[in-house]
N, C-alpha and C. Protein backbone atom coordinates (compact mmCIF):
# COMPACT_ATOMS: atom_id res chain seq x y z
N VAL A 1 18.65 5.22 -16.17
CA VAL A 1 19.06 4.86 -15.43
C VAL A 1 18.55 3.51 -15.46
N GLN A 2 18.70 2.13 -15.01
CA GLN A 2 18.46 0.79 -14.72
C GLN A 2 17.93 0.50 -13.28
N LEU A 3 17.10 -0.11 -12.49
CA LEU A 3 17.25 -0.33 -11.45
C LEU A 3 16.87 -1.86 -10.73
N GLN A 4 17.04 -2.75 -10.75
CA GLN A 4 16.97 -4.29 -10.97
C GLN A 4 16.88 -4.05 -9.40
N ALA A 5 15.56 -4.82 -8.99
CA ALA A 5 14.99 -5.10 -7.11
C ALA A 5 15.41 -6.57 -7.47
N SER A 6 15.98 -6.97 -6.48
CA SER A 6 15.71 -8.58 -6.35
C SER A 6 15.76 -9.29 -4.95
N GLY A 7 15.48 -10.09 -4.45
CA GLY A 7 15.63 -10.81 -2.74
C GLY A 7 14.27 -11.14 -2.33
N GLY A 8 13.71 -10.79 -2.98
CA GLY A 8 12.16 -11.28 -2.71
C GLY A 8 11.61 -12.74 -2.32
N GLY A 9 10.67 -12.90 -1.40
CA GLY A 9 10.05 -14.21 -1.27
C GLY A 9 9.40 -14.71 -0.61
N ALA A 10 9.04 -16.03 0.07
CA ALA A 10 7.93 -16.26 1.16
C ALA A 10 8.85 -16.65 2.51
N VAL A 11 8.37 -15.85 3.44
CA VAL A 11 9.05 -16.48 4.60
C VAL A 11 7.62 -16.18 5.76
N THR A 12 7.76 -16.79 6.82
CA THR A 12 7.09 -17.28 8.36
C THR A 12 7.41 -16.03 9.14
N THR A 13 6.54 -15.56 9.73
CA THR A 13 6.68 -14.70 11.00
C THR A 13 8.09 -14.93 11.87
N GLY A 14 8.95 -13.65 11.35
CA GLY A 14 9.95 -14.01 12.37
C GLY A 14 11.21 -14.72 11.50
N GLY A 15 10.80 -14.25 10.58
CA GLY A 15 12.28 -14.74 9.36
C GLY A 15 12.90 -13.37 8.90
N SER A 16 13.63 -13.75 7.84
CA SER A 16 14.51 -12.68 7.18
C SER A 16 14.80 -12.60 6.12
N LEU A 17 14.80 -11.54 5.27
CA LEU A 17 15.37 -11.41 4.03
C LEU A 17 15.89 -10.28 3.35
N ASN A 18 16.79 -10.60 2.50
CA ASN A 18 17.89 -9.33 2.40
C ASN A 18 17.52 -9.02 1.07
N LEU A 19 17.28 -7.84 0.30
CA LEU A 19 16.68 -6.99 -0.65
C LEU A 19 18.25 -6.51 -0.94
N SER A 20 18.23 -6.75 -2.28
CA SER A 20 19.32 -5.97 -3.19
C SER A 20 18.61 -4.85 -4.60
N CYS A 21 19.05 -4.03 -4.64
CA CYS A 21 18.60 -3.41 -5.78
C CYS A 21 20.17 -2.65 -6.57
N GLU A 22 20.40 -3.18 -7.60
CA GLU A 22 21.14 -3.20 -8.83
C GLU A 22 21.25 -2.11 -9.47
N ALA A 23 21.79 -0.98 -9.76
CA ALA A 23 21.79 0.03 -10.65
C ALA A 23 22.74 0.16 -11.84
N SER A 24 22.33 0.12 -13.04
CA SER A 24 22.98 0.27 -14.28
C SER A 24 22.88 1.02 -14.90
N LYS A 25 23.66 1.42 -15.54
CA LYS A 25 23.76 2.71 -16.62
C LYS A 25 23.31 4.10 -15.96
N VAL A 26 24.49 3.85 -15.09
CA VAL A 26 24.35 5.06 -14.01
C VAL A 26 25.70 5.39 -13.43
N VAL A 27 25.83 6.36 -12.83
CA VAL A 27 27.27 6.63 -11.60
C VAL A 27 26.41 6.81 -10.76
N PHE A 28 26.40 5.74 -9.91
CA PHE A 28 25.30 5.30 -9.00
C PHE A 28 25.66 6.09 -7.49
N GLY A 29 27.07 6.70 -7.23
CA GLY A 29 27.22 7.82 -5.96
C GLY A 29 26.64 8.96 -6.41
N ASN A 30 26.63 9.46 -7.45
CA ASN A 30 25.32 10.87 -7.33
C ASN A 30 23.91 10.54 -6.87
N TYR A 31 23.65 9.33 -6.75
CA TYR A 31 22.25 9.17 -6.41
C TYR A 31 21.69 8.80 -4.79
N ALA A 32 21.18 9.43 -4.40
CA ALA A 32 20.51 9.33 -3.10
C ALA A 32 19.23 8.45 -3.49
N MET A 33 19.27 6.88 -2.39
CA MET A 33 18.78 5.75 -2.74
C MET A 33 17.62 6.20 -1.68
N GLY A 34 16.25 5.14 -2.08
CA GLY A 34 15.33 5.18 -1.33
C GLY A 34 14.39 3.49 -1.51
N TRP A 35 13.74 2.98 -0.66
CA TRP A 35 13.24 2.12 -0.62
C TRP A 35 11.72 2.47 0.07
N PHE A 36 10.99 1.64 -1.04
CA PHE A 36 9.33 2.25 -0.77
C PHE A 36 8.72 0.75 -0.61
N ARG A 37 7.27 0.14 -0.73
CA ARG A 37 6.47 -0.64 -0.51
C ARG A 37 5.00 -0.18 -0.62
N GLN A 38 4.34 -1.33 -1.41
CA GLN A 38 3.04 -1.32 -1.72
C GLN A 38 1.99 -2.60 -1.07
N ALA A 39 1.68 -2.81 -0.38
CA ALA A 39 0.82 -3.90 0.32
C ALA A 39 -0.60 -3.84 -0.40
N PRO A 40 -0.83 -5.06 -0.56
CA PRO A 40 -2.17 -5.53 -1.43
C PRO A 40 -3.08 -4.30 -1.03
N GLY A 41 -3.84 -3.75 -2.24
CA GLY A 41 -4.90 -2.85 -1.34
C GLY A 41 -4.40 -1.38 -1.01
N LYS A 42 -3.39 -1.28 -0.93
CA LYS A 42 -3.13 0.27 0.08
C LYS A 42 -1.99 0.86 -1.24
N GLN A 43 -1.85 2.44 -0.79
CA GLN A 43 -0.93 2.98 -1.47
C GLN A 43 0.15 2.71 -1.01
N ARG A 44 1.43 3.01 -1.89
CA ARG A 44 2.67 2.71 -1.58
C ARG A 44 3.23 3.93 -0.70
N GLU A 45 4.53 3.07 0.92
CA GLU A 45 4.44 3.90 1.35
C GLU A 45 6.19 3.94 1.58
N PHE A 46 6.67 4.78 1.81
CA PHE A 46 8.21 5.36 2.14
C PHE A 46 9.01 4.29 3.21
N VAL A 47 9.68 3.82 3.02
CA VAL A 47 10.40 2.61 4.23
C VAL A 47 11.82 3.35 4.92
N GLY A 48 12.04 3.31 3.64
CA GLY A 48 13.93 4.08 4.23
C GLY A 48 14.64 4.52 3.17
N ALA A 49 15.41 5.38 3.19
CA ALA A 49 16.19 6.52 2.56
C ALA A 49 17.77 6.75 2.85
N ILE A 50 18.55 6.29 1.52
CA ILE A 50 20.24 6.70 2.38
C ILE A 50 20.35 7.29 1.48
N SER A 51 21.66 8.52 1.85
CA SER A 51 22.27 9.62 1.09
C SER A 51 23.50 8.95 0.22
N ARG A 52 24.24 9.82 -0.48
CA ARG A 52 24.42 9.42 -1.79
C ARG A 52 26.02 8.48 -1.34
N ASP A 53 26.79 8.69 -0.21
CA ASP A 53 27.57 8.28 0.61
C ASP A 53 27.62 6.74 1.12
N GLY A 54 26.36 6.85 1.90
CA GLY A 54 25.84 6.49 2.48
C GLY A 54 26.05 6.64 4.06
N SER A 55 26.39 7.71 4.15
CA SER A 55 26.75 8.50 6.04
C SER A 55 25.32 8.35 6.47
N SER A 56 24.50 8.71 5.77
CA SER A 56 23.29 9.55 6.20
C SER A 56 21.86 8.32 6.07
N THR A 57 21.47 8.05 7.04
CA THR A 57 20.21 6.85 6.77
C THR A 57 19.01 7.17 7.22
N TYR A 58 17.89 6.22 7.20
CA TYR A 58 16.73 6.89 7.84
C TYR A 58 15.73 6.16 7.25
N LEU A 59 15.13 5.33 8.39
CA LEU A 59 14.20 4.11 8.39
C LEU A 59 12.80 4.65 9.05
N THR A 60 11.85 4.19 8.48
CA THR A 60 10.69 4.72 9.20
C THR A 60 10.79 4.51 10.76
N VAL A 61 9.65 4.33 11.64
CA VAL A 61 9.50 3.58 12.89
C VAL A 61 9.13 2.54 13.00
N TRP A 62 8.11 2.48 11.96
CA TRP A 62 7.59 0.76 12.33
C TRP A 62 8.55 -0.30 11.80
N VAL A 63 9.90 0.50 11.44
CA VAL A 63 10.62 -0.91 10.10
C VAL A 63 11.81 -0.19 10.83
N LYS A 64 12.31 0.58 11.51
CA LYS A 64 13.55 1.33 12.00
C LYS A 64 14.79 0.14 12.80
N ASP A 65 13.50 -0.60 13.91
CA ASP A 65 14.88 -1.83 14.52
C ASP A 65 14.97 -3.05 14.23
N ARG A 66 14.02 -3.22 12.90
CA ARG A 66 14.10 -4.47 12.16
C ARG A 66 14.85 -4.73 11.05
N PHE A 67 15.24 -3.06 9.96
CA PHE A 67 15.14 -3.38 8.87
C PHE A 67 16.76 -2.52 9.07
N THR A 68 17.77 -3.04 7.99
CA THR A 68 19.01 -2.10 8.14
C THR A 68 18.78 -1.78 6.14
N ILE A 69 19.77 -0.34 5.99
CA ILE A 69 19.37 0.44 4.35
C ILE A 69 20.68 0.22 4.94
N SER A 70 21.39 0.03 3.10
CA SER A 70 22.83 0.25 3.32
C SER A 70 23.03 0.32 1.84
N ARG A 71 24.30 0.72 1.04
CA ARG A 71 24.59 0.65 -0.17
C ARG A 71 26.16 0.35 -0.38
N ASP A 72 26.74 0.06 -1.33
CA ASP A 72 28.16 -0.54 -1.91
C ASP A 72 28.23 0.44 -3.30
N ASN A 73 28.52 1.68 -2.82
CA ASN A 73 29.05 2.52 -4.39
C ASN A 73 29.71 1.63 -5.52
N ALA A 74 30.38 1.08 -4.89
CA ALA A 74 31.70 0.00 -5.84
C ALA A 74 31.09 -0.80 -6.39
N GLU A 75 29.96 -1.60 -5.61
CA GLU A 75 29.06 -2.53 -6.38
C GLU A 75 27.45 -1.89 -6.66
N ASN A 76 27.87 -0.69 -7.53
CA ASN A 76 26.46 -0.32 -7.73
C ASN A 76 24.79 -0.86 -7.62
N THR A 77 25.13 -1.14 -5.78
CA THR A 77 24.05 -1.87 -5.36
C THR A 77 23.34 -1.35 -3.91
N LEU A 78 22.10 -1.02 -3.89
CA LEU A 78 21.56 -0.83 -2.33
C LEU A 78 21.06 -2.12 -1.83
N ARG A 79 20.83 -1.99 -0.51
CA ARG A 79 20.31 -3.13 0.06
C ARG A 79 19.30 -2.43 1.34
N LEU A 80 18.50 -3.35 1.06
CA LEU A 80 17.71 -3.46 2.41
C LEU A 80 17.40 -4.93 3.16
N ARG A 81 17.97 -4.95 4.38
CA ARG A 81 17.95 -6.34 5.46
C ARG A 81 16.94 -6.55 5.83
N MET A 82 15.99 -7.06 6.57
CA MET A 82 14.60 -7.57 7.00
C MET A 82 14.96 -8.45 7.60
N ASN A 83 14.47 -8.16 9.47
CA ASN A 83 14.65 -9.38 10.07
C ASN A 83 13.47 -8.67 10.78
N ASN A 84 13.33 -10.09 11.74
CA ASN A 84 12.33 -10.47 12.55
C ASN A 84 10.71 -9.86 11.74
N LEU A 85 10.54 -10.11 10.53
CA LEU A 85 9.22 -10.05 9.37
C LEU A 85 8.17 -10.33 9.99
N ASN A 86 7.18 -9.52 10.06
CA ASN A 86 5.73 -10.45 10.34
C ASN A 86 4.71 -9.92 8.78
N PRO A 87 3.30 -10.35 9.36
CA PRO A 87 2.55 -10.56 8.08
C PRO A 87 2.33 -8.20 7.39
N GLU A 88 2.48 -7.62 8.36
CA GLU A 88 2.35 -6.28 8.06
C GLU A 88 3.34 -6.34 6.73
N ASP A 89 4.33 -7.02 6.70
CA ASP A 89 5.69 -6.39 6.07
C ASP A 89 5.32 -6.72 4.97
N THR A 90 4.17 -8.12 4.33
CA THR A 90 4.12 -8.27 3.00
C THR A 90 3.99 -7.24 2.31
N ALA A 91 4.06 -7.62 1.10
CA ALA A 91 4.16 -6.18 -0.04
C ALA A 91 5.60 -6.05 -0.94
N VAL A 92 4.83 -5.49 -1.91
CA VAL A 92 5.68 -5.16 -3.22
C VAL A 92 6.82 -3.91 -2.94
N TYR A 93 8.30 -4.28 -2.58
CA TYR A 93 9.10 -3.42 -2.51
C TYR A 93 9.65 -2.90 -3.55
N TYR A 94 9.75 -1.31 -3.71
CA TYR A 94 10.42 -0.96 -4.77
C TYR A 94 12.02 -0.07 -4.18
N CYS A 95 12.82 0.03 -4.86
CA CYS A 95 13.78 0.95 -4.86
C CYS A 95 13.59 1.81 -6.51
N ALA A 96 14.08 3.11 -5.39
CA ALA A 96 14.03 4.30 -6.14
C ALA A 96 15.41 5.07 -6.16
N ALA A 97 15.50 5.75 -7.12
CA ALA A 97 16.67 6.63 -7.14
C ALA A 97 16.53 8.29 -7.46
N LYS A 98 17.30 9.30 -6.43
CA LYS A 98 16.91 10.35 -6.87
C LYS A 98 18.72 11.10 -7.28
N LEU A 99 18.42 12.03 -8.42
CA LEU A 99 20.07 12.24 -8.77
C LEU A 99 20.02 13.70 -7.92
N THR A 100 21.27 14.28 -7.25
CA THR A 100 21.32 15.07 -6.21
C THR A 100 22.73 15.30 -5.95
N PRO A 101 22.89 16.90 -6.03
CA PRO A 101 24.13 17.09 -6.10
C PRO A 101 24.80 17.06 -4.20
N HIS A 102 23.83 17.09 -3.27
CA HIS A 102 24.14 17.10 -2.15
C HIS A 102 24.71 16.17 -1.41
N ILE A 103 25.81 15.54 -1.07
CA ILE A 103 26.02 14.32 -1.06
C ILE A 103 25.50 13.80 0.41
N GLY A 104 24.89 14.51 1.18
CA GLY A 104 24.62 14.02 2.36
C GLY A 104 22.89 14.08 2.68
N ASN A 105 22.06 14.58 1.57
CA ASN A 105 21.18 14.84 1.61
C ASN A 105 20.10 13.47 1.38
N ARG A 106 18.88 13.01 2.19
CA ARG A 106 17.71 11.84 1.85
C ARG A 106 16.59 12.57 1.33
N PHE A 107 15.97 11.76 1.27
CA PHE A 107 14.82 11.80 0.04
C PHE A 107 13.37 11.20 0.94
N PHE A 108 12.68 11.50 1.04
CA PHE A 108 11.77 10.77 1.65
C PHE A 108 10.24 10.63 0.61
N THR A 109 9.98 11.21 0.18
CA THR A 109 8.16 11.13 -0.61
C THR A 109 8.95 11.03 -2.27
N GLU A 110 7.73 10.03 -2.53
CA GLU A 110 7.66 9.39 -4.06
C GLU A 110 8.20 10.37 -5.21
N ARG A 111 7.61 11.73 -4.93
CA ARG A 111 7.91 12.36 -6.06
C ARG A 111 8.83 13.18 -6.37
N GLU A 112 9.80 13.02 -4.71
CA GLU A 112 11.05 13.37 -5.64
C GLU A 112 12.42 12.33 -5.90
N TYR A 113 11.67 11.26 -6.42
CA TYR A 113 12.64 10.15 -7.05
C TYR A 113 12.48 10.03 -8.30
N ASP A 114 13.16 10.25 -8.98
CA ASP A 114 13.63 10.19 -10.53
C ASP A 114 13.45 9.01 -10.96
N PHE A 115 13.74 7.98 -10.46
CA PHE A 115 13.53 6.05 -11.05
C PHE A 115 13.40 5.51 -10.43
N TRP A 116 12.48 4.33 -11.10
CA TRP A 116 12.01 3.56 -9.67
C TRP A 116 12.48 1.81 -10.68
N GLY A 117 12.80 0.91 -9.64
CA GLY A 117 12.78 -0.09 -10.20
C GLY A 117 11.51 -1.07 -9.94
N GLN A 118 11.79 -2.47 -10.71
CA GLN A 118 10.25 -3.01 -10.64
C GLN A 118 9.62 -3.45 -9.65
N GLY A 119 10.40 -3.86 -8.80
CA GLY A 119 9.85 -4.16 -7.29
C GLY A 119 10.07 -6.03 -7.53
N THR A 120 10.00 -6.22 -6.03
CA THR A 120 10.14 -7.61 -5.80
C THR A 120 9.18 -7.71 -4.30
N LEU A 121 8.41 -9.06 -4.43
CA LEU A 121 7.69 -9.25 -3.72
C LEU A 121 8.11 -9.91 -2.54
N VAL A 122 7.74 -9.54 -1.41
CA VAL A 122 7.87 -9.91 -0.08
C VAL A 122 6.11 -10.60 0.40
N THR A 123 6.42 -11.70 1.28
CA THR A 123 5.16 -12.07 1.67
C THR A 123 5.12 -13.02 2.71
N VAL A 124 4.43 -12.40 3.88
CA VAL A 124 5.08 -13.03 5.19
C VAL A 124 3.90 -13.53 5.87
N SER A 125 3.46 -14.97 6.03
CA SER A 125 2.62 -15.64 6.70
C SER A 125 2.74 -15.88 8.18
N SER A 126 1.96 -16.11 8.64
CA SER A 126 1.45 -16.16 9.92
C SER A 126 2.10 -17.98 10.48
């Protein structure tokens, strides 16, 4: 499984970015997916998760009103739409994949995921 995250960049407060994570060498629909982020000097933290078929999603409370997680299984792509960004969102964002037989399940901790992308940097300045 290979995961390639992209779409990061530098924006100012209130800006938006669209992150993508393209999977290869995998039947994408067999994997639940997640986004995590790691801010400078901090531990990696969970951002959001989506089930295999995209019917079930979850975003943490500090982003749920600003971010949207989605996936396109036909394009083997996971997405994270980020609106109204603030400096606290500055981090390297990672996508992760979890092989699961359960179509509707989501996963919330790092240790549950099997594969990780390389990360894409998001920088938000005030």
